[in-house]
């Protein structure tokens, strides 16, 4: 969009594979997440400068070209000199760091406390079970779970789980699947929380 405004493009179609982003950009959904809300301001500003524009959703399979290009940029030294890209040294929008006042505990709390502080339940049996389960997890900018049959999974809490479910289940190319099939689809996206098993 930045390039489109610089080139004074008059007619632009934007294709995105995320239903939530499309609907937020088109005003059908309200951006409640602080980061998404901050990104919407410059997006709307860019769109306002393009007389005719559409933001359309496509299924992920149709977005493979863009995904491949974004992965190529990660290994920019291998790129042909005719491919131009802008490397951002910091996020496009600044997000203020908010100190957490109310600490809402969730299923991850015992694992995080065990790994960070060595906290264990007083009951020896529960402590042993927690230690055994904690061996499957590790901390690196959040809690992650190791698995044998799929990639490392990012652990998420209830709020993120609802967003993830909506993204996977409600996309235009999604369908009404069984709970087990939906759980496997979410795992393939790289997320984990206990209720999906």
C-alpha atoms as a PDB file:
ATOM      1  CA  UNK A   1       0.000   0.000   0.000  1.00  0.00           C
ATOM      2  CA  UNK A   2       2.901   2.318   0.742  1.00  0.00           C
ATOM      3  CA  UNK A   3       4.301   1.660  -2.737  1.00  0.00           C
ATOM      4  CA  UNK A   4       0.843   2.071  -4.287  1.00  0.00           C
ATOM      5  CA  UNK A   5       0.475   5.511  -2.717  1.00  0.00           C
ATOM      6  CA  UNK A   6       3.970   6.536  -3.854  1.00  0.00           C
ATOM      7  CA  UNK A   7       3.132   5.427  -7.419  1.00  0.00           C
ATOM      8  CA  UNK A   8      -0.292   7.149  -7.191  1.00  0.00           C
ATOM      9  CA  UNK A   9      -2.145   3.969  -8.060  1.00  0.00           C
ATOM     10  CA  UNK A  10      -5.803   4.691  -8.831  1.00  0.00           C
ATOM     11  CA  UNK A  11      -7.216   1.162  -8.785  1.00  0.00           C
ATOM     12  CA  UNK A  12      -5.984  -1.544  -6.393  1.00  0.00           C
ATOM     13  CA  UNK A  13      -7.141  -5.038  -5.424  1.00  0.00           C
ATOM     14  CA  UNK A  14      -5.567  -6.458  -2.265  1.00  0.00           C
ATOM     15  CA  UNK A  15      -5.809 -10.206  -1.639  1.00  0.00           C
ATOM     16  CA  UNK A  16      -5.410 -11.562   1.898  1.00  0.00           C
ATOM     17  CA  UNK A  17      -5.925 -15.083   3.244  1.00  0.00           C
ATOM     18  CA  UNK A  18      -7.058 -13.983   6.723  1.00  0.00           C
ATOM     19  CA  UNK A  19     -10.800 -13.429   7.079  1.00  0.00           C
ATOM     20  CA  UNK A  20     -10.318 -11.461  10.299  1.00  0.00           C
ATOM     21  CA  UNK A  21      -7.867  -8.993   8.717  1.00  0.00           C
ATOM     22  CA  UNK A  22     -10.125  -8.552   5.657  1.00  0.00           C
ATOM     23  CA  UNK A  23     -13.248  -7.969   7.750  1.00  0.00           C
ATOM     24  CA  UNK A  24     -11.454  -5.575  10.112  1.00  0.00           C
ATOM     25  CA  UNK A  25     -10.055  -3.613   7.167  1.00  0.00           C
ATOM     26  CA  UNK A  26     -13.474  -3.466   5.494  1.00  0.00           C
ATOM     27  CA  UNK A  27     -15.122  -2.377   8.754  1.00  0.00           C
ATOM     28  CA  UNK A  28     -17.234  -5.525   9.227  1.00  0.00           C
ATOM     29  CA  UNK A  29     -15.294  -6.494  12.380  1.00  0.00           C
ATOM     30  CA  UNK A  30     -13.935  -4.161  15.054  1.00  0.00           C
ATOM     31  CA  UNK A  31     -10.214  -4.568  15.795  1.00  0.00           C
ATOM     32  CA  UNK A  32     -10.174  -5.284  19.544  1.00  0.00           C
ATOM     33  CA  UNK A  33      -6.561  -6.430  19.768  1.00  0.00           C
ATOM     34  CA  UNK A  34      -4.297  -3.450  20.602  1.00  0.00           C
ATOM     35  CA  UNK A  35      -1.663  -4.332  17.967  1.00  0.00           C
ATOM     36  CA  UNK A  36      -4.211  -4.967  15.189  1.00  0.00           C
ATOM     37  CA  UNK A  37      -5.957  -1.717  16.108  1.00  0.00           C
ATOM     38  CA  UNK A  38      -2.681   0.221  15.760  1.00  0.00           C
ATOM     39  CA  UNK A  39      -2.016  -1.315  12.333  1.00  0.00           C
ATOM     40  CA  UNK A  40      -5.516  -0.419  11.113  1.00  0.00           C
ATOM     41  CA  UNK A  41      -4.866   3.360  11.369  1.00  0.00           C
ATOM     42  CA  UNK A  42      -2.066   3.483   8.739  1.00  0.00           C
ATOM     43  CA  UNK A  43      -3.882   0.898   6.585  1.00  0.00           C
ATOM     44  CA  UNK A  44      -7.009   3.078   6.474  1.00  0.00           C
ATOM     45  CA  UNK A  45      -4.856   6.132   5.743  1.00  0.00           C
ATOM     46  CA  UNK A  46      -3.219   4.397   2.757  1.00  0.00           C
ATOM     47  CA  UNK A  47      -6.542   3.088   1.461  1.00  0.00           C
ATOM     48  CA  UNK A  48      -8.086   6.577   1.663  1.00  0.00           C
ATOM     49  CA  UNK A  49      -5.451   7.818  -0.814  1.00  0.00           C
ATOM     50  CA  UNK A  50      -6.398   5.168  -3.425  1.00  0.00           C
ATOM     51  CA  UNK A  51      -9.644   6.180  -5.198  1.00  0.00           C
ATOM     52  CA  UNK A  52     -10.770   2.655  -6.136  1.00  0.00           C
ATOM     53  CA  UNK A  53      -9.693  -0.234  -3.941  1.00  0.00           C
ATOM     54  CA  UNK A  54     -10.944  -3.607  -2.751  1.00  0.00           C
ATOM     55  CA  UNK A  55      -9.665  -5.821   0.064  1.00  0.00           C
ATOM     56  CA  UNK A  56     -10.636  -9.386  -0.818  1.00  0.00           C
ATOM     57  CA  UNK A  57     -10.216 -12.712   0.917  1.00  0.00           C
ATOM     58  CA  UNK A  58      -8.706 -15.709  -0.823  1.00  0.00           C
ATOM     59  CA  UNK A  59      -8.025 -19.183   0.529  1.00  0.00           C
ATOM     60  CA  UNK A  60      -4.524 -19.967   1.775  1.00  0.00           C
ATOM     61  CA  UNK A  61      -3.777 -22.234  -1.188  1.00  0.00           C
ATOM     62  CA  UNK A  62      -4.228 -19.257  -3.536  1.00  0.00           C
ATOM     63  CA  UNK A  63      -1.791 -17.181  -1.486  1.00  0.00           C
ATOM     64  CA  UNK A  64       1.216 -19.489  -1.951  1.00  0.00           C
ATOM     65  CA  UNK A  65       3.067 -17.023  -4.216  1.00  0.00           C
ATOM     66  CA  UNK A  66       3.028 -14.289  -1.553  1.00  0.00           C
ATOM     67  CA  UNK A  67       4.013 -16.786   1.167  1.00  0.00           C
ATOM     68  CA  UNK A  68       6.918 -18.078  -0.935  1.00  0.00           C
ATOM     69  CA  UNK A  69       8.099 -14.527  -1.619  1.00  0.00           C
ATOM     70  CA  UNK A  70       7.980 -13.629   2.081  1.00  0.00           C
ATOM     71  CA  UNK A  71      10.079 -16.724   2.901  1.00  0.00           C
ATOM     72  CA  UNK A  72      12.603 -15.818   0.189  1.00  0.00           C
ATOM     73  CA  UNK A  73      13.157 -12.435   1.804  1.00  0.00           C
ATOM     74  CA  UNK A  74      14.348 -14.156   4.987  1.00  0.00           C
ATOM     75  CA  UNK A  75      17.304 -15.476   2.964  1.00  0.00           C
ATOM     76  CA  UNK A  76      17.873 -12.180   1.157  1.00  0.00           C
ATOM     77  CA  UNK A  77      21.481 -13.048   0.243  1.00  0.00           C
ATOM     78  CA  UNK A  78      20.154 -15.767  -2.117  1.00  0.00           C
ATOM     79  CA  UNK A  79      17.786 -13.395  -3.927  1.00  0.00           C
ATOM     80  CA  UNK A  80      18.211 -12.323  -7.526  1.00  0.00           C
ATOM     81  CA  UNK A  81      19.217  -8.635  -7.760  1.00  0.00           C
ATOM     82  CA  UNK A  82      15.960  -7.857  -9.631  1.00  0.00           C
ATOM     83  CA  UNK A  83      13.880  -8.567  -6.492  1.00  0.00           C
ATOM     84  CA  UNK A  84      13.389  -5.414  -4.413  1.00  0.00           C
ATOM     85  CA  UNK A  85      12.206  -5.345  -0.834  1.00  0.00           C
ATOM     86  CA  UNK A  86      12.298  -3.031   2.139  1.00  0.00           C
ATOM     87  CA  UNK A  87      13.791  -4.377   5.332  1.00  0.00           C
ATOM     88  CA  UNK A  88      12.222  -2.823   8.429  1.00  0.00           C
ATOM     89  CA  UNK A  89      14.602  -2.442  11.358  1.00  0.00           C
ATOM     90  CA  UNK A  90      11.703  -2.102  13.819  1.00  0.00           C
ATOM     91  CA  UNK A  91       7.944  -2.803  13.774  1.00  0.00           C
ATOM     92  CA  UNK A  92       5.905  -0.542  11.491  1.00  0.00           C
ATOM     93  CA  UNK A  93       3.817   0.658  14.415  1.00  0.00           C
ATOM     94  CA  UNK A  94       5.150   1.228  17.896  1.00  0.00           C
ATOM     95  CA  UNK A  95       3.274  -0.680  20.595  1.00  0.00           C
ATOM     96  CA  UNK A  96       3.587   0.696  24.097  1.00  0.00           C
ATOM     97  CA  UNK A  97       4.810  -1.778  26.657  1.00  0.00           C
ATOM     98  CA  UNK A  98       2.040  -2.324  29.178  1.00  0.00           C
ATOM     99  CA  UNK A  99       2.845  -3.565  32.648  1.00  0.00           C
ATOM    100  CA  UNK A 100       0.515  -6.347  33.705  1.00  0.00           C
ATOM    101  CA  UNK A 101      -1.414  -5.348  36.824  1.00  0.00           C
ATOM    102  CA  UNK A 102      -3.898  -8.193  37.045  1.00  0.00           C
ATOM    103  CA  UNK A 103      -2.188 -11.545  36.642  1.00  0.00           C
ATOM    104  CA  UNK A 104      -4.750 -13.926  35.172  1.00  0.00           C
ATOM    105  CA  UNK A 105      -3.646 -17.483  35.747  1.00  0.00           C
ATOM    106  CA  UNK A 106      -4.362 -20.117  33.116  1.00  0.00           C
ATOM    107  CA  UNK A 107      -3.277 -23.682  32.286  1.00  0.00           C
ATOM    108  CA  UNK A 108       0.280 -22.491  31.454  1.00  0.00           C
ATOM    109  CA  UNK A 109       0.937 -20.879  34.863  1.00  0.00           C
ATOM    110  CA  UNK A 110       2.086 -24.068  36.731  1.00  0.00           C
ATOM    111  CA  UNK A 111       4.530 -24.930  33.900  1.00  0.00           C
ATOM    112  CA  UNK A 112       5.946 -21.398  33.731  1.00  0.00           C
ATOM    113  CA  UNK A 113       6.296 -21.188  37.536  1.00  0.00           C
ATOM    114  CA  UNK A 114       7.941 -24.623  37.614  1.00  0.00           C
ATOM    115  CA  UNK A 115      10.482 -23.682  34.938  1.00  0.00           C
ATOM    116  CA  UNK A 116      11.159 -20.093  36.032  1.00  0.00           C
ATOM    117  CA  UNK A 117      10.963 -20.365  39.823  1.00  0.00           C
ATOM    118  CA  UNK A 118      11.144 -24.103  40.505  1.00  0.00           C
ATOM    119  CA  UNK A 119       7.676 -23.938  42.138  1.00  0.00           C
ATOM    120  CA  UNK A 120       6.002 -27.323  42.590  1.00  0.00           C
ATOM    121  CA  UNK A 121       2.811 -28.492  44.324  1.00  0.00           C
ATOM    122  CA  UNK A 122       3.255 -29.676  47.928  1.00  0.00           C
ATOM    123  CA  UNK A 123       1.785 -33.074  47.080  1.00  0.00           C
ATOM    124  CA  UNK A 124       4.707 -35.293  45.931  1.00  0.00           C
ATOM    125  CA  UNK A 125       2.595 -37.149  43.360  1.00  0.00           C
ATOM    126  CA  UNK A 126       1.326 -33.912  41.772  1.00  0.00           C
ATOM    127  CA  UNK A 127       4.839 -32.456  41.804  1.00  0.00           C
ATOM    128  CA  UNK A 128       6.221 -35.514  40.028  1.00  0.00           C
ATOM    129  CA  UNK A 129       3.447 -35.409  37.399  1.00  0.00           C
ATOM    130  CA  UNK A 130       4.039 -31.689  36.807  1.00  0.00           C
ATOM    131  CA  UNK A 131       7.799 -32.237  36.397  1.00  0.00           C
ATOM    132  CA  UNK A 132       7.155 -35.045  33.887  1.00  0.00           C
ATOM    133  CA  UNK A 133       4.726 -32.914  31.876  1.00  0.00           C
ATOM    134  CA  UNK A 134       6.965 -29.824  32.063  1.00  0.00           C
ATOM    135  CA  UNK A 135       9.729 -31.778  30.297  1.00  0.00           C
ATOM    136  CA  UNK A 136       7.684 -31.449  27.073  1.00  0.00           C
ATOM    137  CA  UNK A 137       7.726 -27.638  27.293  1.00  0.00           C
ATOM    138  CA  UNK A 138      10.318 -24.874  27.094  1.00  0.00           C
ATOM    139  CA  UNK A 139      10.352 -21.095  27.540  1.00  0.00           C
ATOM    140  CA  UNK A 140      11.492 -18.832  24.717  1.00  0.00           C
ATOM    141  CA  UNK A 141       9.480 -15.613  24.378  1.00  0.00           C
ATOM    142  CA  UNK A 142       6.527 -17.527  25.779  1.00  0.00           C
ATOM    143  CA  UNK A 143       5.765 -21.181  26.471  1.00  0.00           C
ATOM    144  CA  UNK A 144       6.287 -23.716  23.663  1.00  0.00           C
ATOM    145  CA  UNK A 145       5.662 -27.460  23.450  1.00  0.00           C
ATOM    146  CA  UNK A 146       7.939 -30.025  21.840  1.00  0.00           C
ATOM    147  CA  UNK A 147       6.284 -32.790  19.817  1.00  0.00           C
ATOM    148  CA  UNK A 148       7.539 -35.775  17.835  1.00  0.00           C
ATOM    149  CA  UNK A 149       5.066 -35.696  14.957  1.00  0.00           C
ATOM    150  CA  UNK A 150       4.655 -31.944  14.351  1.00  0.00           C
ATOM    151  CA  UNK A 151       6.737 -28.762  14.603  1.00  0.00           C
ATOM    152  CA  UNK A 152       7.311 -26.915  17.883  1.00  0.00           C
ATOM    153  CA  UNK A 153       3.955 -25.506  19.013  1.00  0.00           C
ATOM    154  CA  UNK A 154       3.327 -22.092  20.577  1.00  0.00           C
ATOM    155  CA  UNK A 155       1.220 -22.444  23.718  1.00  0.00           C
ATOM    156  CA  UNK A 156      -1.743 -20.088  23.917  1.00  0.00           C
ATOM    157  CA  UNK A 157      -4.219 -19.011  26.574  1.00  0.00           C
ATOM    158  CA  UNK A 158      -8.030 -18.837  26.364  1.00  0.00           C
ATOM    159  CA  UNK A 159      -8.144 -15.400  24.676  1.00  0.00           C
ATOM    160  CA  UNK A 160      -5.678 -16.379  21.947  1.00  0.00           C
ATOM    161  CA  UNK A 161      -7.419 -19.757  21.624  1.00  0.00           C
ATOM    162  CA  UNK A 162     -10.724 -18.047  20.748  1.00  0.00           C
ATOM    163  CA  UNK A 163      -8.980 -15.889  18.124  1.00  0.00           C
ATOM    164  CA  UNK A 164      -7.230 -18.959  16.704  1.00  0.00           C
ATOM    165  CA  UNK A 165     -10.507 -20.926  16.536  1.00  0.00           C
ATOM    166  CA  UNK A 166     -12.253 -18.058  14.762  1.00  0.00           C
ATOM    167  CA  UNK A 167      -9.387 -17.680  12.269  1.00  0.00           C
ATOM    168  CA  UNK A 168      -9.240 -21.400  11.419  1.00  0.00           C
ATOM    169  CA  UNK A 169     -12.942 -22.259  11.638  1.00  0.00           C
ATOM    170  CA  UNK A 170     -14.592 -19.163  10.145  1.00  0.00           C
ATOM    171  CA  UNK A 171     -12.350 -18.471   7.165  1.00  0.00           C
ATOM    172  CA  UNK A 172     -14.160 -18.391   3.826  1.00  0.00           C
ATOM    173  CA  UNK A 173     -12.592 -21.685   2.757  1.00  0.00           C
ATOM    174  CA  UNK A 174     -13.249 -23.332   6.121  1.00  0.00           C
ATOM    175  CA  UNK A 175     -16.049 -25.781   6.743  1.00  0.00           C
ATOM    176  CA  UNK A 176     -17.934 -27.253   9.671  1.00  0.00           C
ATOM    177  CA  UNK A 177     -15.584 -29.969  10.822  1.00  0.00           C
ATOM    178  CA  UNK A 178     -15.534 -32.254  13.812  1.00  0.00           C
ATOM    179  CA  UNK A 179     -13.727 -31.157  16.976  1.00  0.00           C
ATOM    180  CA  UNK A 180     -10.893 -33.628  16.305  1.00  0.00           C
ATOM    181  CA  UNK A 181     -10.365 -32.425  12.719  1.00  0.00           C
ATOM    182  CA  UNK A 182     -10.430 -28.793  13.890  1.00  0.00           C
ATOM    183  CA  UNK A 183      -7.863 -29.586  16.620  1.00  0.00           C
ATOM    184  CA  UNK A 184      -5.519 -31.190  14.063  1.00  0.00           C
ATOM    185  CA  UNK A 185      -5.897 -28.196  11.750  1.00  0.00           C
ATOM    186  CA  UNK A 186      -4.943 -25.819  14.590  1.00  0.00           C
ATOM    187  CA  UNK A 187      -1.915 -27.966  15.489  1.00  0.00           C
ATOM    188  CA  UNK A 188      -0.808 -27.794  11.825  1.00  0.00           C
ATOM    189  CA  UNK A 189      -0.950 -23.992  12.164  1.00  0.00           C
ATOM    190  CA  UNK A 190       1.551 -24.305  15.060  1.00  0.00           C
ATOM    191  CA  UNK A 191      -0.597 -23.701  18.161  1.00  0.00           C
ATOM    192  CA  UNK A 192      -1.291 -25.701  21.298  1.00  0.00           C
ATOM    193  CA  UNK A 193      -3.542 -25.585  24.339  1.00  0.00           C
ATOM    194  CA  UNK A 194      -4.768 -28.554  26.379  1.00  0.00           C
ATOM    195  CA  UNK A 195      -8.457 -28.551  25.403  1.00  0.00           C
ATOM    196  CA  UNK A 196      -7.673 -29.499  21.789  1.00  0.00           C
ATOM    197  CA  UNK A 197      -6.644 -33.039  22.792  1.00  0.00           C
END
